[in-house]
Amino acid sequence: MKIGNDTVIRNIKEAVSGLDYGDVLIKVHNSKIVQIEVTQRKRFNDNKKEEQE
């Protein structure tokens, strides 16, 4: 199975490197990468814990 061309690989690398928390979903059809979905999550510290310290 051929993974993909340089553009696809570059897009996957950019998607992963741009995330602190989240998912990168790679969809494959007929042994070819046809879609990349990125879900980004934001996490926040618990302010109450910081105020107590």
Protein backbone atom coordinates (compact mmCIF):
# COMPACT_ATOMS: atom_id res chain seq x y z
CA MET A 1 0.00 0.00 0.00
CA LYS A 2 1.40 3.38 -0.97
CA ILE A 3 0.82 5.86 1.86
CA GLY A 4 0.50 9.00 -0.21
CA ASN A 5 2.39 11.68 -2.01
CA ASP A 6 4.54 14.36 -0.42
CA THR A 7 1.62 16.80 -0.15
CA VAL A 8 -0.46 14.31 1.83
CA ILE A 9 2.45 13.48 4.14
CA ARG A 10 3.19 17.18 4.66
CA ASN A 11 -0.47 17.83 5.53
CA ILE A 12 -0.49 15.01 8.07
CA LYS A 13 2.72 16.31 9.68
CA GLU A 14 1.28 19.84 9.86
CA ALA A 15 -1.95 18.54 11.41
CA VAL A 16 -0.08 16.63 14.11
CA SER A 17 2.47 19.33 14.87
CA GLY A 18 -0.27 21.95 15.20
CA LEU A 19 -2.03 20.12 18.04
CA ASP A 20 -1.47 20.27 21.77
CA TYR A 21 -4.49 18.03 22.44
CA GLY A 22 -6.77 16.41 19.90
CA ASP A 23 -7.13 13.84 17.15
CA VAL A 24 -5.97 13.42 13.58
CA LEU A 25 -8.17 10.98 11.68
CA ILE A 26 -6.89 9.64 8.36
CA LYS A 27 -9.53 8.17 6.05
CA VAL A 28 -8.46 5.62 3.44
CA HIS A 29 -10.38 4.43 0.36
CA ASN A 30 -9.00 1.84 -2.06
CA SER A 31 -5.60 1.95 -0.31
CA LYS A 32 -5.30 5.72 -0.78
CA ILE A 33 -5.57 8.51 1.77
CA VAL A 34 -8.62 10.51 0.78
CA GLN A 35 -9.31 12.69 3.81
CA ILE A 36 -7.69 14.08 6.95
CA GLU A 37 -9.88 15.27 9.83
CA VAL A 38 -8.44 17.29 12.71
CA THR A 39 -10.19 17.75 16.04
CA GLN A 40 -8.51 20.24 18.35
CA ARG A 41 -9.21 20.40 22.07
CA LYS A 42 -8.39 23.18 24.49
CA ARG A 43 -7.58 22.32 28.08
CA PHE A 44 -7.71 24.81 30.93
CA ASN A 45 -6.18 24.64 34.37
CA ASP A 46 -8.46 24.43 37.36
CA ASN A 47 -8.38 28.05 38.59
CA LYS A 48 -9.74 27.11 42.03
CA LYS A 49 -6.66 24.98 42.74
CA GLU A 50 -4.34 27.84 41.72
CA GLU A 51 -6.20 30.35 43.94
CA GLN A 52 -5.90 28.08 47.02
CA GLU A 53 -2.13 27.75 46.72
